[in-house]
C-alpha cells in the first residue's frame, strides 16, 4: 500500500479514535468522578489526557513504514 494512502487512512482513523475516546473519557468522568477528591480528578484527567497517545503512536508508526518490496 502506498505511503500516501496509508497516511490518509491513518489520519482518518486517528480522528475517529480521538472522537470516540474523548466521548468515553468524558462519560466515564461524569459518572465516576463527580464526588471524588480533586486530586483523584486531577490524576484521572492527566492520565486520560495522555492515554490516547499510545494507540495513535502505533498508527503513526504504521503510517510511516515504507511499502514492502517483493
N, C-alpha and C. Protein backbone atom coordinates (compact mmCIF):
# COMPACT_ATOMS: atom_id res chain seq x y z
N UNK A 1 0.86 -1.17 0.00
CA UNK A 1 0.00 0.00 0.00
C UNK A 1 0.91 1.23 0.00
N UNK A 2 0.66 2.18 -0.87
CA UNK A 2 1.48 3.39 -0.92
C UNK A 2 1.41 4.19 0.39
N UNK A 3 2.49 4.89 0.69
CA UNK A 3 2.57 5.65 1.93
C UNK A 3 1.49 6.72 1.98
N UNK A 4 1.19 7.35 0.87
CA UNK A 4 0.17 8.40 0.87
C UNK A 4 -1.20 7.87 1.26
N UNK A 5 -1.53 6.68 0.80
CA UNK A 5 -2.82 6.07 1.14
C UNK A 5 -2.83 5.67 2.62
N UNK A 6 -1.69 5.13 3.09
CA UNK A 6 -1.60 4.77 4.50
C UNK A 6 -1.74 5.99 5.39
N UNK A 7 -1.15 7.11 4.98
CA UNK A 7 -1.27 8.34 5.77
C UNK A 7 -2.70 8.86 5.79
N UNK A 8 -3.39 8.76 4.68
CA UNK A 8 -4.79 9.18 4.64
C UNK A 8 -5.64 8.30 5.55
N UNK A 9 -5.49 6.99 5.43
CA UNK A 9 -6.26 6.06 6.27
C UNK A 9 -5.91 6.27 7.74
N UNK A 10 -4.63 6.38 8.04
CA UNK A 10 -4.19 6.58 9.41
C UNK A 10 -4.71 7.87 10.02
N UNK A 11 -4.70 8.94 9.25
CA UNK A 11 -5.21 10.22 9.73
C UNK A 11 -6.70 10.12 10.05
N UNK A 12 -7.45 9.51 9.18
CA UNK A 12 -8.88 9.35 9.43
C UNK A 12 -9.13 8.47 10.65
N UNK A 13 -8.36 7.40 10.79
CA UNK A 13 -8.53 6.53 11.96
C UNK A 13 -8.17 7.24 13.26
N UNK A 14 -7.13 8.07 13.23
CA UNK A 14 -6.76 8.83 14.43
C UNK A 14 -7.86 9.81 14.81
N UNK A 15 -8.42 10.49 13.83
CA UNK A 15 -9.50 11.44 14.13
C UNK A 15 -10.72 10.72 14.71
N UNK A 16 -11.07 9.59 14.14
CA UNK A 16 -12.19 8.81 14.66
C UNK A 16 -11.88 8.30 16.07
N UNK A 17 -10.66 7.80 16.26
CA UNK A 17 -10.24 7.31 17.57
C UNK A 17 -10.34 8.41 18.62
N UNK A 18 -9.82 9.58 18.35
CA UNK A 18 -9.84 10.68 19.33
C UNK A 18 -11.27 11.08 19.67
N UNK A 19 -12.13 11.12 18.68
CA UNK A 19 -13.53 11.48 18.91
C UNK A 19 -14.19 10.52 19.90
N UNK A 20 -14.10 9.22 19.60
CA UNK A 20 -14.75 8.24 20.47
C UNK A 20 -14.05 8.11 21.82
N UNK A 21 -12.75 8.24 21.84
CA UNK A 21 -12.02 8.19 23.10
C UNK A 21 -12.42 9.35 24.01
N UNK A 22 -12.55 10.54 23.42
CA UNK A 22 -12.96 11.70 24.21
C UNK A 22 -14.37 11.52 24.77
N UNK A 23 -15.28 11.00 23.96
CA UNK A 23 -16.63 10.73 24.45
C UNK A 23 -16.62 9.75 25.61
N UNK A 24 -15.84 8.68 25.47
CA UNK A 24 -15.75 7.68 26.52
C UNK A 24 -15.13 8.26 27.80
N UNK A 25 -14.06 9.02 27.65
CA UNK A 25 -13.37 9.58 28.81
C UNK A 25 -14.25 10.57 29.56
N UNK A 26 -14.97 11.39 28.84
CA UNK A 26 -15.86 12.36 29.49
C UNK A 26 -17.03 11.65 30.15
N UNK A 27 -17.61 10.66 29.49
CA UNK A 27 -18.73 9.91 30.07
C UNK A 27 -18.29 9.19 31.34
N UNK A 28 -17.12 8.58 31.30
CA UNK A 28 -16.59 7.90 32.47
C UNK A 28 -16.36 8.89 33.61
N UNK A 29 -15.79 10.02 33.31
CA UNK A 29 -15.54 11.03 34.34
C UNK A 29 -16.85 11.56 34.93
N UNK A 30 -17.85 11.74 34.08
CA UNK A 30 -19.13 12.27 34.56
C UNK A 30 -19.88 11.28 35.44
N UNK A 31 -19.67 10.00 35.23
CA UNK A 31 -20.38 9.01 36.03
C UNK A 31 -19.61 8.57 37.27
N UNK A 32 -18.29 8.58 37.21
CA UNK A 32 -17.49 8.04 38.31
C UNK A 32 -16.91 9.13 39.21
N UNK A 33 -16.53 10.26 38.66
CA UNK A 33 -15.74 11.24 39.40
C UNK A 33 -16.47 12.41 40.06
N UNK A 34 -17.76 12.60 39.93
CA UNK A 34 -18.35 13.84 40.45
C UNK A 34 -18.10 14.10 41.94
N UNK A 35 -18.08 13.07 42.76
CA UNK A 35 -17.90 13.27 44.20
C UNK A 35 -16.49 12.93 44.66
N UNK A 36 -15.58 12.77 43.72
CA UNK A 36 -14.20 12.41 44.07
C UNK A 36 -13.42 13.63 44.54
N UNK A 37 -12.35 13.34 45.24
CA UNK A 37 -11.44 14.39 45.69
C UNK A 37 -10.77 15.02 44.47
N UNK A 38 -10.40 16.28 44.57
CA UNK A 38 -9.83 16.97 43.42
C UNK A 38 -8.52 16.35 42.96
N UNK A 39 -7.78 15.71 43.86
CA UNK A 39 -6.53 15.07 43.46
C UNK A 39 -6.81 13.86 42.58
N UNK A 40 -7.86 13.11 42.90
CA UNK A 40 -8.26 11.97 42.08
C UNK A 40 -8.71 12.46 40.70
N UNK A 41 -9.48 13.53 40.67
CA UNK A 41 -9.91 14.09 39.39
C UNK A 41 -8.72 14.56 38.56
N UNK A 42 -7.77 15.22 39.21
CA UNK A 42 -6.57 15.69 38.50
C UNK A 42 -5.79 14.52 37.92
N UNK A 43 -5.62 13.46 38.71
CA UNK A 43 -4.90 12.28 38.23
C UNK A 43 -5.63 11.63 37.06
N UNK A 44 -6.96 11.54 37.15
CA UNK A 44 -7.73 10.94 36.06
C UNK A 44 -7.58 11.74 34.78
N UNK A 45 -7.79 13.05 34.88
CA UNK A 45 -7.71 13.87 33.68
C UNK A 45 -6.30 13.91 33.10
N UNK A 46 -5.28 13.85 33.96
CA UNK A 46 -3.90 13.79 33.46
C UNK A 46 -3.67 12.48 32.71
N UNK A 47 -4.13 11.37 33.29
CA UNK A 47 -3.99 10.07 32.62
C UNK A 47 -4.81 10.01 31.34
N UNK A 48 -6.07 10.44 31.41
CA UNK A 48 -6.94 10.39 30.24
C UNK A 48 -6.45 11.31 29.13
N UNK A 49 -5.82 12.39 29.51
CA UNK A 49 -5.31 13.31 28.50
C UNK A 49 -4.09 12.79 27.76
N UNK A 50 -3.40 11.83 28.36
CA UNK A 50 -2.20 11.29 27.74
C UNK A 50 -2.42 9.90 27.14
N UNK A 51 -3.37 9.14 27.64
CA UNK A 51 -3.55 7.74 27.26
C UNK A 51 -3.93 7.55 25.79
N UNK A 52 -4.54 8.53 25.16
CA UNK A 52 -4.93 8.38 23.76
C UNK A 52 -3.71 8.32 22.84
N UNK A 53 -2.56 8.75 23.34
CA UNK A 53 -1.36 8.83 22.50
C UNK A 53 -0.83 7.44 22.14
N UNK A 54 -0.99 6.47 23.02
CA UNK A 54 -0.42 5.14 22.77
C UNK A 54 -1.00 4.51 21.50
N UNK A 55 -2.32 4.39 21.35
CA UNK A 55 -2.84 3.82 20.09
C UNK A 55 -2.52 4.70 18.88
N UNK A 56 -2.55 6.01 19.08
CA UNK A 56 -2.22 6.91 17.97
C UNK A 56 -0.76 6.72 17.55
N UNK A 57 0.11 6.45 18.50
CA UNK A 57 1.51 6.22 18.18
C UNK A 57 1.71 4.99 17.31
N UNK A 58 0.96 3.93 17.61
CA UNK A 58 1.04 2.72 16.77
C UNK A 58 0.55 3.02 15.35
N UNK A 59 -0.51 3.81 15.23
CA UNK A 59 -0.99 4.18 13.90
C UNK A 59 0.02 5.03 13.15
N UNK A 60 0.64 5.97 13.85
CA UNK A 60 1.64 6.82 13.20
C UNK A 60 2.83 5.99 12.75
N UNK A 61 3.24 5.03 13.56
CA UNK A 61 4.34 4.15 13.17
C UNK A 61 3.95 3.35 11.92
N UNK A 62 2.75 2.83 11.88
CA UNK A 62 2.28 2.08 10.71
C UNK A 62 2.23 2.98 9.48
N UNK A 63 1.78 4.22 9.67
CA UNK A 63 1.66 5.14 8.54
C UNK A 63 3.02 5.47 7.93
N UNK A 64 4.05 5.51 8.73
CA UNK A 64 5.36 5.95 8.24
C UNK A 64 6.21 4.81 7.67
N UNK A 65 5.76 3.57 7.80
CA UNK A 65 6.52 2.44 7.25
C UNK A 65 6.50 2.49 5.73
N UNK A 66 7.64 2.19 5.17
CA UNK A 66 7.74 2.11 3.72
C UNK A 66 7.09 0.82 3.23
N UNK A 67 6.53 0.86 2.04
CA UNK A 67 5.94 -0.37 1.50
C UNK A 67 6.98 -1.46 1.31
N UNK A 68 6.58 -2.69 1.54
CA UNK A 68 7.48 -3.82 1.37
C UNK A 68 7.62 -4.15 -0.09
N UNK A 69 8.82 -4.46 -0.47
CA UNK A 69 9.08 -4.83 -1.88
C UNK A 69 9.22 -6.35 -1.96
N UNK A 70 8.72 -6.85 -3.03
CA UNK A 70 8.95 -8.27 -3.22
C UNK A 70 7.74 -8.99 -3.49
